[in-house]
């Protein structure tokens, strides 16, 4: 594994009685920030702090680590947001258990947490599955479901599912032989792509859709209007009324109501291009916008 999601699982396994993490495979260090400081992934930091051997292959497809992993004689290989495909030679060494942040076969792919919020789902979960050569296509060991609060944002759901995955991983390992492992129904499979910055652009067409994107893309890439104005803090006011898109319908002490073709939104804070975040009242005053004007 590589990011915080995997790191929390690793910490849980390290702390668990009767288990020994014999090695960690994670992505190479990467440059971070404006100064491009080479930074190790969270999993590497935790592994080194606990005296665990760390491997950082650039590509498992191009580098053969099969012999090294076989020499470790693992009972299980746990995979969580590693960021590379495991070749069949490694999958055959020991049961490879992947902790995927969706209820498979829904949302196979790179952004299951964001996708569940984009679709306005009432629940999601974590699936423990046996990996095969496909993308999140392996047999299901067990699933832990999670009810999504209607105002939960992506980073909050990420934290919640990370905790679910960390708690369930030792349980899956300890009780592995008792689970009834079942194949996925490929006919029900859905997929999600890697998120890009351009996915954050919104227009005032459908308030529910804009709000779902806000929830899914906070903190990154955020949502912004075609002119570049970032909508930093918003809430759903109405999902079924009809308005002129972008029209300022009401001005309150700490927010404004903006109409969409369908529904309306409450906007509390924005960030103009190349400027700092500000409250919406300061913004509309600076732009001399009032009732019936268009926020664009």
C-alpha atoms as a PDB file:
ATOM      1  CA  UNK A   1       0.000   0.000   0.000  1.00  0.00           C
ATOM      2  CA  UNK A   2       0.979   3.645  -0.286  1.00  0.00           C
ATOM      3  CA  UNK A   3      -1.253   6.496   1.075  1.00  0.00           C
ATOM      4  CA  UNK A   4      -2.867   7.206   4.465  1.00  0.00           C
ATOM      5  CA  UNK A   5      -5.605   4.638   3.826  1.00  0.00           C
ATOM      6  CA  UNK A   6      -2.995   1.882   3.583  1.00  0.00           C
ATOM      7  CA  UNK A   7      -0.944   3.357   6.418  1.00  0.00           C
ATOM      8  CA  UNK A   8      -3.785   3.021   8.920  1.00  0.00           C
ATOM      9  CA  UNK A   9      -4.258  -0.617   7.917  1.00  0.00           C
ATOM     10  CA  UNK A  10      -0.530  -1.229   8.332  1.00  0.00           C
ATOM     11  CA  UNK A  11      -0.528   0.356  11.802  1.00  0.00           C
ATOM     12  CA  UNK A  12      -3.427  -1.863  12.834  1.00  0.00           C
ATOM     13  CA  UNK A  13      -1.620  -5.001  11.629  1.00  0.00           C
ATOM     14  CA  UNK A  14       1.603  -4.005  13.398  1.00  0.00           C
ATOM     15  CA  UNK A  15      -0.291  -3.519  16.671  1.00  0.00           C
ATOM     16  CA  UNK A  16      -2.224  -6.792  16.379  1.00  0.00           C
ATOM     17  CA  UNK A  17      -1.125  -9.641  18.647  1.00  0.00           C
ATOM     18  CA  UNK A  18       0.011 -12.785  16.860  1.00  0.00           C
ATOM     19  CA  UNK A  19       0.781 -11.078  13.551  1.00  0.00           C
ATOM     20  CA  UNK A  20       4.110 -10.111  12.029  1.00  0.00           C
ATOM     21  CA  UNK A  21       4.456  -7.795   9.069  1.00  0.00           C
ATOM     22  CA  UNK A  22       7.560  -9.189   7.356  1.00  0.00           C
ATOM     23  CA  UNK A  23       7.914  -6.572   4.617  1.00  0.00           C
ATOM     24  CA  UNK A  24       6.224  -3.611   2.985  1.00  0.00           C
ATOM     25  CA  UNK A  25       5.953  -2.777  -0.710  1.00  0.00           C
ATOM     26  CA  UNK A  26       5.068   0.818  -1.480  1.00  0.00           C
ATOM     27  CA  UNK A  27       5.460   3.398  -4.245  1.00  0.00           C
ATOM     28  CA  UNK A  28       8.749   5.309  -4.680  1.00  0.00           C
ATOM     29  CA  UNK A  29       9.305   8.618  -2.887  1.00  0.00           C
ATOM     30  CA  UNK A  30       7.859  11.545  -4.840  1.00  0.00           C
ATOM     31  CA  UNK A  31       8.529  15.307  -5.037  1.00  0.00           C
ATOM     32  CA  UNK A  32       5.933  17.274  -3.064  1.00  0.00           C
ATOM     33  CA  UNK A  33       5.070  20.980  -2.939  1.00  0.00           C
ATOM     34  CA  UNK A  34       6.456  23.949  -4.810  1.00  0.00           C
ATOM     35  CA  UNK A  35      10.014  23.112  -3.761  1.00  0.00           C
ATOM     36  CA  UNK A  36       9.594  19.507  -4.969  1.00  0.00           C
ATOM     37  CA  UNK A  37      10.913  18.001  -1.748  1.00  0.00           C
ATOM     38  CA  UNK A  38      11.333  14.235  -2.110  1.00  0.00           C
ATOM     39  CA  UNK A  39       8.822  12.766   0.326  1.00  0.00           C
ATOM     40  CA  UNK A  40       8.325   9.131   1.350  1.00  0.00           C
ATOM     41  CA  UNK A  41       4.808   7.668   1.286  1.00  0.00           C
ATOM     42  CA  UNK A  42       3.119   7.297   4.709  1.00  0.00           C
ATOM     43  CA  UNK A  43       3.422   3.499   4.573  1.00  0.00           C
ATOM     44  CA  UNK A  44       7.222   3.739   4.236  1.00  0.00           C
ATOM     45  CA  UNK A  45       7.493   6.077   7.213  1.00  0.00           C
ATOM     46  CA  UNK A  46       5.506   3.708   9.434  1.00  0.00           C
ATOM     47  CA  UNK A  47       7.372   0.627   8.229  1.00  0.00           C
ATOM     48  CA  UNK A  48      10.787   2.153   8.863  1.00  0.00           C
ATOM     49  CA  UNK A  49       9.740   3.394  12.296  1.00  0.00           C
ATOM     50  CA  UNK A  50       8.879  -0.207  13.155  1.00  0.00           C
ATOM     51  CA  UNK A  51      11.989  -1.804  11.674  1.00  0.00           C
ATOM     52  CA  UNK A  52      10.144  -3.397   8.748  1.00  0.00           C
ATOM     53  CA  UNK A  53      11.983  -3.927   5.456  1.00  0.00           C
ATOM     54  CA  UNK A  54      10.689  -1.639   2.694  1.00  0.00           C
ATOM     55  CA  UNK A  55      10.657  -2.242  -1.068  1.00  0.00           C
ATOM     56  CA  UNK A  56       9.787   0.608  -3.476  1.00  0.00           C
ATOM     57  CA  UNK A  57       9.543  -0.820  -6.991  1.00  0.00           C
ATOM     58  CA  UNK A  58       8.973   1.620  -9.816  1.00  0.00           C
ATOM     59  CA  UNK A  59       7.026  -1.108 -11.598  1.00  0.00           C
ATOM     60  CA  UNK A  60       6.265  -4.642 -10.463  1.00  0.00           C
ATOM     61  CA  UNK A  61       5.668  -5.513 -14.121  1.00  0.00           C
ATOM     62  CA  UNK A  62       9.177  -4.456 -15.126  1.00  0.00           C
ATOM     63  CA  UNK A  63      10.960  -5.574 -11.955  1.00  0.00           C
ATOM     64  CA  UNK A  64      10.795  -9.187 -10.771  1.00  0.00           C
ATOM     65  CA  UNK A  65      10.303  -9.310  -7.001  1.00  0.00           C
ATOM     66  CA  UNK A  66       8.748 -12.777  -7.004  1.00  0.00           C
ATOM     67  CA  UNK A  67      11.774 -14.503  -5.498  1.00  0.00           C
ATOM     68  CA  UNK A  68      12.166 -11.873  -2.782  1.00  0.00           C
ATOM     69  CA  UNK A  69       8.515 -12.217  -1.726  1.00  0.00           C
ATOM     70  CA  UNK A  70       8.672 -16.029  -1.831  1.00  0.00           C
ATOM     71  CA  UNK A  71      11.730 -15.929   0.442  1.00  0.00           C
ATOM     72  CA  UNK A  72       9.659 -14.046   3.033  1.00  0.00           C
ATOM     73  CA  UNK A  73       7.211 -16.988   3.136  1.00  0.00           C
ATOM     74  CA  UNK A  74       4.126 -14.822   3.729  1.00  0.00           C
ATOM     75  CA  UNK A  75       0.842 -16.365   4.855  1.00  0.00           C
ATOM     76  CA  UNK A  76      -1.039 -13.417   3.338  1.00  0.00           C
ATOM     77  CA  UNK A  77      -0.323 -10.424   1.145  1.00  0.00           C
ATOM     78  CA  UNK A  78      -2.478  -7.424   2.084  1.00  0.00           C
ATOM     79  CA  UNK A  79      -3.035  -4.805  -0.619  1.00  0.00           C
ATOM     80  CA  UNK A  80      -4.599  -1.391   0.008  1.00  0.00           C
ATOM     81  CA  UNK A  81      -4.287   1.491  -2.477  1.00  0.00           C
ATOM     82  CA  UNK A  82      -0.868   0.321  -3.661  1.00  0.00           C
ATOM     83  CA  UNK A  83      -1.099   2.049  -7.029  1.00  0.00           C
ATOM     84  CA  UNK A  84       0.291  -0.770  -9.178  1.00  0.00           C
ATOM     85  CA  UNK A  85      -1.094  -3.968 -10.655  1.00  0.00           C
ATOM     86  CA  UNK A  86       0.284  -7.137  -9.060  1.00  0.00           C
ATOM     87  CA  UNK A  87       1.514  -9.679 -11.635  1.00  0.00           C
ATOM     88  CA  UNK A  88       0.152 -13.225 -11.509  1.00  0.00           C
ATOM     89  CA  UNK A  89       3.490 -14.575 -10.260  1.00  0.00           C
ATOM     90  CA  UNK A  90       3.025 -12.595  -7.030  1.00  0.00           C
ATOM     91  CA  UNK A  91      -0.693 -13.316  -6.753  1.00  0.00           C
ATOM     92  CA  UNK A  92       0.145 -17.033  -6.762  1.00  0.00           C
ATOM     93  CA  UNK A  93       2.529 -16.835  -3.781  1.00  0.00           C
ATOM     94  CA  UNK A  94      -0.126 -16.411  -1.071  1.00  0.00           C
ATOM     95  CA  UNK A  95      -3.729 -15.194  -0.772  1.00  0.00           C
ATOM     96  CA  UNK A  96      -3.636 -11.528  -1.840  1.00  0.00           C
ATOM     97  CA  UNK A  97      -6.364  -9.694   0.050  1.00  0.00           C
ATOM     98  CA  UNK A  98      -7.364  -6.279  -1.254  1.00  0.00           C
ATOM     99  CA  UNK A  99      -9.349  -3.763   0.812  1.00  0.00           C
ATOM    100  CA  UNK A 100     -11.408  -1.816  -1.717  1.00  0.00           C
ATOM    101  CA  UNK A 101     -13.464   1.199  -0.590  1.00  0.00           C
ATOM    102  CA  UNK A 102     -16.781   0.246  -2.175  1.00  0.00           C
ATOM    103  CA  UNK A 103     -19.364  -2.515  -2.109  1.00  0.00           C
ATOM    104  CA  UNK A 104     -18.060  -4.508  -5.045  1.00  0.00           C
ATOM    105  CA  UNK A 105     -18.844  -5.039  -7.864  1.00  0.00           C
ATOM    106  CA  UNK A 106     -19.907  -1.378  -7.690  1.00  0.00           C
ATOM    107  CA  UNK A 107     -17.200   1.195  -8.410  1.00  0.00           C
ATOM    108  CA  UNK A 108     -14.284  -0.883  -9.530  1.00  0.00           C
ATOM    109  CA  UNK A 109     -11.356   1.432 -10.204  1.00  0.00           C
ATOM    110  CA  UNK A 110      -9.465   4.417  -8.838  1.00  0.00           C
ATOM    111  CA  UNK A 111     -12.068   6.704  -7.200  1.00  0.00           C
ATOM    112  CA  UNK A 112     -14.803   4.670  -5.459  1.00  0.00           C
ATOM    113  CA  UNK A 113     -15.213   7.112  -2.565  1.00  0.00           C
ATOM    114  CA  UNK A 114     -15.740  10.101  -4.855  1.00  0.00           C
ATOM    115  CA  UNK A 115     -18.056   8.100  -7.107  1.00  0.00           C
ATOM    116  CA  UNK A 116     -20.373   7.123  -4.270  1.00  0.00           C
ATOM    117  CA  UNK A 117     -20.739  10.819  -3.387  1.00  0.00           C
ATOM    118  CA  UNK A 118     -21.182  11.890  -7.016  1.00  0.00           C
ATOM    119  CA  UNK A 119     -24.073   9.456  -7.261  1.00  0.00           C
ATOM    120  CA  UNK A 120     -25.582  10.597  -3.954  1.00  0.00           C
ATOM    121  CA  UNK A 121     -25.496   7.080  -2.511  1.00  0.00           C
ATOM    122  CA  UNK A 122     -26.977   6.474   0.931  1.00  0.00           C
ATOM    123  CA  UNK A 123     -24.435   3.787   1.750  1.00  0.00           C
ATOM    124  CA  UNK A 124     -21.068   2.449   0.721  1.00  0.00           C
ATOM    125  CA  UNK A 125     -18.545   0.175   2.407  1.00  0.00           C
ATOM    126  CA  UNK A 126     -15.279  -1.717   2.239  1.00  0.00           C
ATOM    127  CA  UNK A 127     -14.922  -5.021   0.404  1.00  0.00           C
ATOM    128  CA  UNK A 128     -12.238  -7.529   1.311  1.00  0.00           C
ATOM    129  CA  UNK A 129     -11.561  -9.495  -1.861  1.00  0.00           C
ATOM    130  CA  UNK A 130      -9.121 -12.065  -3.178  1.00  0.00           C
ATOM    131  CA  UNK A 131      -7.125 -10.381  -5.900  1.00  0.00           C
ATOM    132  CA  UNK A 132      -6.843 -11.795  -9.396  1.00  0.00           C
ATOM    133  CA  UNK A 133      -5.319 -10.386 -12.573  1.00  0.00           C
ATOM    134  CA  UNK A 134      -8.329  -8.107 -13.256  1.00  0.00           C
ATOM    135  CA  UNK A 135      -9.075  -4.631 -11.899  1.00  0.00           C
ATOM    136  CA  UNK A 136     -11.022  -5.220  -8.660  1.00  0.00           C
ATOM    137  CA  UNK A 137     -12.626  -8.339 -10.127  1.00  0.00           C
ATOM    138  CA  UNK A 138     -11.597 -10.925  -7.527  1.00  0.00           C
ATOM    139  CA  UNK A 139     -13.828 -13.099  -5.347  1.00  0.00           C
ATOM    140  CA  UNK A 140     -15.439 -11.411  -2.342  1.00  0.00           C
ATOM    141  CA  UNK A 141     -14.398 -12.513   1.145  1.00  0.00           C
ATOM    142  CA  UNK A 142     -16.609 -10.152   3.151  1.00  0.00           C
ATOM    143  CA  UNK A 143     -18.131  -6.659   3.071  1.00  0.00           C
ATOM    144  CA  UNK A 144     -18.584  -4.035   5.786  1.00  0.00           C
ATOM    145  CA  UNK A 145     -21.250  -1.472   4.923  1.00  0.00           C
ATOM    146  CA  UNK A 146     -21.298   2.192   5.971  1.00  0.00           C
ATOM    147  CA  UNK A 147     -24.253   4.620   5.967  1.00  0.00           C
ATOM    148  CA  UNK A 148     -23.253   7.962   4.427  1.00  0.00           C
ATOM    149  CA  UNK A 149     -24.552  11.113   6.170  1.00  0.00           C
ATOM    150  CA  UNK A 150     -26.170  13.432   3.628  1.00  0.00           C
ATOM    151  CA  UNK A 151     -23.692  16.257   4.259  1.00  0.00           C
ATOM    152  CA  UNK A 152     -20.513  14.156   4.498  1.00  0.00           C
ATOM    153  CA  UNK A 153     -17.616  15.333   2.330  1.00  0.00           C
ATOM    154  CA  UNK A 154     -15.057  13.160   0.551  1.00  0.00           C
ATOM    155  CA  UNK A 155     -12.243  13.609   3.059  1.00  0.00           C
ATOM    156  CA  UNK A 156     -14.623  12.709   5.900  1.00  0.00           C
ATOM    157  CA  UNK A 157     -15.866   9.608   4.090  1.00  0.00           C
ATOM    158  CA  UNK A 158     -12.259   8.707   3.319  1.00  0.00           C
ATOM    159  CA  UNK A 159     -11.437   8.819   7.045  1.00  0.00           C
ATOM    160  CA  UNK A 160     -14.530   6.810   7.944  1.00  0.00           C
ATOM    161  CA  UNK A 161     -13.812   4.040   5.423  1.00  0.00           C
ATOM    162  CA  UNK A 162     -10.155   4.001   6.411  1.00  0.00           C
ATOM    163  CA  UNK A 163     -11.236   3.187   9.963  1.00  0.00           C
ATOM    164  CA  UNK A 164     -13.606   0.481   8.682  1.00  0.00           C
ATOM    165  CA  UNK A 165     -10.846  -1.087   6.576  1.00  0.00           C
ATOM    166  CA  UNK A 166      -8.284  -0.949   9.381  1.00  0.00           C
ATOM    167  CA  UNK A 167     -10.641  -2.670  11.820  1.00  0.00           C
ATOM    168  CA  UNK A 168     -11.751  -5.382   9.427  1.00  0.00           C
ATOM    169  CA  UNK A 169      -8.317  -6.377   8.073  1.00  0.00           C
ATOM    170  CA  UNK A 170      -7.110  -8.321  11.153  1.00  0.00           C
ATOM    171  CA  UNK A 171     -10.552  -9.930  11.432  1.00  0.00           C
ATOM    172  CA  UNK A 172     -10.356 -11.135   7.840  1.00  0.00           C
ATOM    173  CA  UNK A 173      -6.894 -12.601   8.362  1.00  0.00           C
ATOM    174  CA  UNK A 174      -7.728 -14.338  11.649  1.00  0.00           C
ATOM    175  CA  UNK A 175     -11.004 -15.782  10.356  1.00  0.00           C
ATOM    176  CA  UNK A 176     -10.001 -16.330   6.743  1.00  0.00           C
ATOM    177  CA  UNK A 177     -10.823 -20.038   6.706  1.00  0.00           C
ATOM    178  CA  UNK A 178     -14.360 -19.469   8.007  1.00  0.00           C
ATOM    179  CA  UNK A 179     -15.547 -17.065   5.278  1.00  0.00           C
ATOM    180  CA  UNK A 180     -17.692 -18.259   2.398  1.00  0.00           C
ATOM    181  CA  UNK A 181     -15.839 -16.677  -0.518  1.00  0.00           C
ATOM    182  CA  UNK A 182     -18.096 -15.868  -3.473  1.00  0.00           C
ATOM    183  CA  UNK A 183     -17.409 -14.622  -7.023  1.00  0.00           C
ATOM    184  CA  UNK A 184     -18.496 -11.162  -8.081  1.00  0.00           C
ATOM    185  CA  UNK A 185     -21.453 -10.734 -10.409  1.00  0.00           C
ATOM    186  CA  UNK A 186     -19.745  -9.104 -13.374  1.00  0.00           C
ATOM    187  CA  UNK A 187     -23.119  -8.180 -14.866  1.00  0.00           C
ATOM    188  CA  UNK A 188     -23.629  -5.750 -11.956  1.00  0.00           C
ATOM    189  CA  UNK A 189     -20.174  -4.174 -12.214  1.00  0.00           C
ATOM    190  CA  UNK A 190     -19.710  -0.409 -12.469  1.00  0.00           C
ATOM    191  CA  UNK A 191     -16.469   1.519 -12.880  1.00  0.00           C
ATOM    192  CA  UNK A 192     -14.918   4.804 -11.792  1.00  0.00           C
ATOM    193  CA  UNK A 193     -11.986   6.692 -13.259  1.00  0.00           C
ATOM    194  CA  UNK A 194      -9.062   8.584 -11.814  1.00  0.00           C
ATOM    195  CA  UNK A 195     -10.123  12.113 -10.847  1.00  0.00           C
ATOM    196  CA  UNK A 196      -8.599  15.044 -12.750  1.00  0.00           C
ATOM    197  CA  UNK A 197      -8.639  18.760 -11.992  1.00  0.00           C
ATOM    198  CA  UNK A 198     -11.041  19.445 -14.869  1.00  0.00           C
ATOM    199  CA  UNK A 199     -13.709  17.295 -13.178  1.00  0.00           C
ATOM    200  CA  UNK A 200     -14.257  20.133 -10.699  1.00  0.00           C
ATOM    201  CA  UNK A 201     -15.781  22.577 -13.208  1.00  0.00           C
ATOM    202  CA  UNK A 202     -19.508  23.145 -12.602  1.00  0.00           C
ATOM    203  CA  UNK A 203     -22.325  25.282 -13.953  1.00  0.00           C
ATOM    204  CA  UNK A 204     -25.573  26.177 -12.237  1.00  0.00           C
ATOM    205  CA  UNK A 205     -27.629  23.547 -14.043  1.00  0.00           C
ATOM    206  CA  UNK A 206     -28.710  21.086 -11.348  1.00  0.00           C
ATOM    207  CA  UNK A 207     -28.290  22.010  -7.676  1.00  0.00           C
ATOM    208  CA  UNK A 208     -28.222  18.427  -6.459  1.00  0.00           C
ATOM    209  CA  UNK A 209     -25.578  17.540  -9.015  1.00  0.00           C
ATOM    210  CA  UNK A 210     -23.418  20.552  -8.106  1.00  0.00           C
ATOM    211  CA  UNK A 211     -23.726  19.727  -4.410  1.00  0.00           C
ATOM    212  CA  UNK A 212     -22.784  16.099  -5.057  1.00  0.00           C
ATOM    213  CA  UNK A 213     -19.678  17.276  -6.915  1.00  0.00           C
ATOM    214  CA  UNK A 214     -18.827  19.599  -4.043  1.00  0.00           C
ATOM    215  CA  UNK A 215     -19.040  16.690  -1.613  1.00  0.00           C
ATOM    216  CA  UNK A 216     -17.040  14.386  -3.889  1.00  0.00           C
ATOM    217  CA  UNK A 217     -14.305  16.862  -4.786  1.00  0.00           C
ATOM    218  CA  UNK A 218     -13.541  18.421  -1.391  1.00  0.00           C
ATOM    219  CA  UNK A 219     -10.708  19.080  -0.810  1.00  0.00           C
ATOM    220  CA  UNK A 220      -9.383  18.189  -4.297  1.00  0.00           C
ATOM    221  CA  UNK A 221      -9.886  19.277  -6.992  1.00  0.00           C
ATOM    222  CA  UNK A 222     -12.647  21.409  -5.498  1.00  0.00           C
ATOM    223  CA  UNK A 223     -15.449  22.844  -7.610  1.00  0.00           C
ATOM    224  CA  UNK A 224     -15.269  26.032  -9.652  1.00  0.00           C
ATOM    225  CA  UNK A 225     -17.260  27.981 -12.211  1.00  0.00           C
ATOM    226  CA  UNK A 226     -16.089  28.334 -15.847  1.00  0.00           C
ATOM    227  CA  UNK A 227     -14.697  31.782 -14.987  1.00  0.00           C
ATOM    228  CA  UNK A 228     -12.487  30.267 -12.295  1.00  0.00           C
ATOM    229  CA  UNK A 229     -14.412  31.264  -9.149  1.00  0.00           C
ATOM    230  CA  UNK A 230     -14.059  28.420  -6.644  1.00  0.00           C
ATOM    231  CA  UNK A 231     -17.100  27.540  -4.537  1.00  0.00           C
ATOM    232  CA  UNK A 232     -15.412  26.730  -1.227  1.00  0.00           C
ATOM    233  CA  UNK A 233     -18.390  26.218   1.083  1.00  0.00           C
ATOM    234  CA  UNK A 234     -21.916  25.501  -0.133  1.00  0.00           C
ATOM    235  CA  UNK A 235     -25.089  23.717   0.920  1.00  0.00           C
ATOM    236  CA  UNK A 236     -28.116  22.379  -0.917  1.00  0.00           C
ATOM    237  CA  UNK A 237     -31.154  24.610  -0.464  1.00  0.00           C
ATOM    238  CA  UNK A 238     -33.644  23.093  -2.918  1.00  0.00           C
ATOM    239  CA  UNK A 239     -33.443  20.280  -5.441  1.00  0.00           C
ATOM    240  CA  UNK A 240     -36.623  20.758  -7.475  1.00  0.00           C
ATOM    241  CA  UNK A 241     -37.396  24.467  -7.927  1.00  0.00           C
ATOM    242  CA  UNK A 242     -36.758  26.264 -11.244  1.00  0.00           C
ATOM    243  CA  UNK A 243     -34.639  29.408 -11.612  1.00  0.00           C
ATOM    244  CA  UNK A 244     -32.408  31.353 -13.961  1.00  0.00           C
ATOM    245  CA  UNK A 245     -28.980  29.700 -13.602  1.00  0.00           C
ATOM    246  CA  UNK A 246     -26.694  31.719 -11.331  1.00  0.00           C
ATOM    247  CA  UNK A 247     -29.313  34.261 -10.251  1.00  0.00           C
ATOM    248  CA  UNK A 248     -28.894  35.596  -6.707  1.00  0.00           C
ATOM    249  CA  UNK A 249     -32.244  34.803  -5.091  1.00  0.00           C
ATOM    250  CA  UNK A 250     -31.587  35.908  -1.512  1.00  0.00           C
ATOM    251  CA  UNK A 251     -28.863  37.550   0.584  1.00  0.00           C
ATOM    252  CA  UNK A 252     -28.510  36.554   4.245  1.00  0.00           C
ATOM    253  CA  UNK A 253     -25.969  37.499   6.914  1.00  0.00           C
ATOM    254  CA  UNK A 254     -23.540  34.661   6.158  1.00  0.00           C
ATOM    255  CA  UNK A 255     -24.612  33.307   2.757  1.00  0.00           C
ATOM    256  CA  UNK A 256     -26.475  33.914  -0.457  1.00  0.00           C
ATOM    257  CA  UNK A 257     -28.987  31.704  -2.248  1.00  0.00           C
ATOM    258  CA  UNK A 258     -28.185  31.108  -5.919  1.00  0.00           C
ATOM    259  CA  UNK A 259     -30.618  29.596  -8.382  1.00  0.00           C
ATOM    260  CA  UNK A 260     -29.915  26.711 -10.715  1.00  0.00           C
ATOM    261  CA  UNK A 261     -31.974  25.601 -13.690  1.00  0.00           C
ATOM    262  CA  UNK A 262     -33.183  22.965 -11.243  1.00  0.00           C
ATOM    263  CA  UNK A 263     -32.975  23.695  -7.519  1.00  0.00           C
ATOM    264  CA  UNK A 264     -30.906  26.241  -5.605  1.00  0.00           C
ATOM    265  CA  UNK A 265     -27.740  26.415  -3.504  1.00  0.00           C
ATOM    266  CA  UNK A 266     -26.592  28.322  -0.448  1.00  0.00           C
ATOM    267  CA  UNK A 267     -23.089  29.711  -0.938  1.00  0.00           C
ATOM    268  CA  UNK A 268     -21.043  30.717   2.109  1.00  0.00           C
ATOM    269  CA  UNK A 269     -17.459  31.120   0.881  1.00  0.00           C
ATOM    270  CA  UNK A 270     -15.664  31.483  -2.456  1.00  0.00           C
ATOM    271  CA  UNK A 271     -12.147  31.954  -3.782  1.00  0.00           C
ATOM    272  CA  UNK A 272     -11.559  34.172  -6.830  1.00  0.00           C
ATOM    273  CA  UNK A 273      -8.703  33.224  -9.179  1.00  0.00           C
ATOM    274  CA  UNK A 274      -5.260  34.010  -7.689  1.00  0.00           C
ATOM    275  CA  UNK A 275      -6.815  35.307  -4.462  1.00  0.00           C
ATOM    276  CA  UNK A 276      -7.480  33.969  -0.982  1.00  0.00           C
ATOM    277  CA  UNK A 277     -10.731  32.386   0.153  1.00  0.00           C
ATOM    278  CA  UNK A 278     -13.319  34.907   1.352  1.00  0.00           C
ATOM    279  CA  UNK A 279     -16.864  34.959   2.677  1.00  0.00           C
ATOM    280  CA  UNK A 280     -19.504  35.368  -0.005  1.00  0.00           C
ATOM    281  CA  UNK A 281     -20.784  38.700   1.333  1.00  0.00           C
ATOM    282  CA  UNK A 282     -17.341  40.262   0.908  1.00  0.00           C
ATOM    283  CA  UNK A 283     -17.153  38.880  -2.608  1.00  0.00           C
ATOM    284  CA  UNK A 284     -20.516  40.136  -3.848  1.00  0.00           C
ATOM    285  CA  UNK A 285     -19.938  43.527  -2.216  1.00  0.00           C
ATOM    286  CA  UNK A 286     -16.596  43.798  -4.018  1.00  0.00           C
ATOM    287  CA  UNK A 287     -18.238  42.801  -7.295  1.00  0.00           C
ATOM    288  CA  UNK A 288     -21.242  45.090  -6.625  1.00  0.00           C
ATOM    289  CA  UNK A 289     -23.652  42.200  -7.064  1.00  0.00           C
ATOM    290  CA  UNK A 290     -27.158  42.321  -5.640  1.00  0.00           C
ATOM    291  CA  UNK A 291     -30.489  40.497  -5.796  1.00  0.00           C
ATOM    292  CA  UNK A 292     -31.374  39.253  -9.288  1.00  0.00           C
ATOM    293  CA  UNK A 293     -27.771  39.663 -10.495  1.00  0.00           C
ATOM    294  CA  UNK A 294     -25.902  36.624 -11.812  1.00  0.00           C
ATOM    295  CA  UNK A 295     -23.036  34.992  -9.973  1.00  0.00           C
ATOM    296  CA  UNK A 296     -20.561  33.879 -12.614  1.00  0.00           C
END
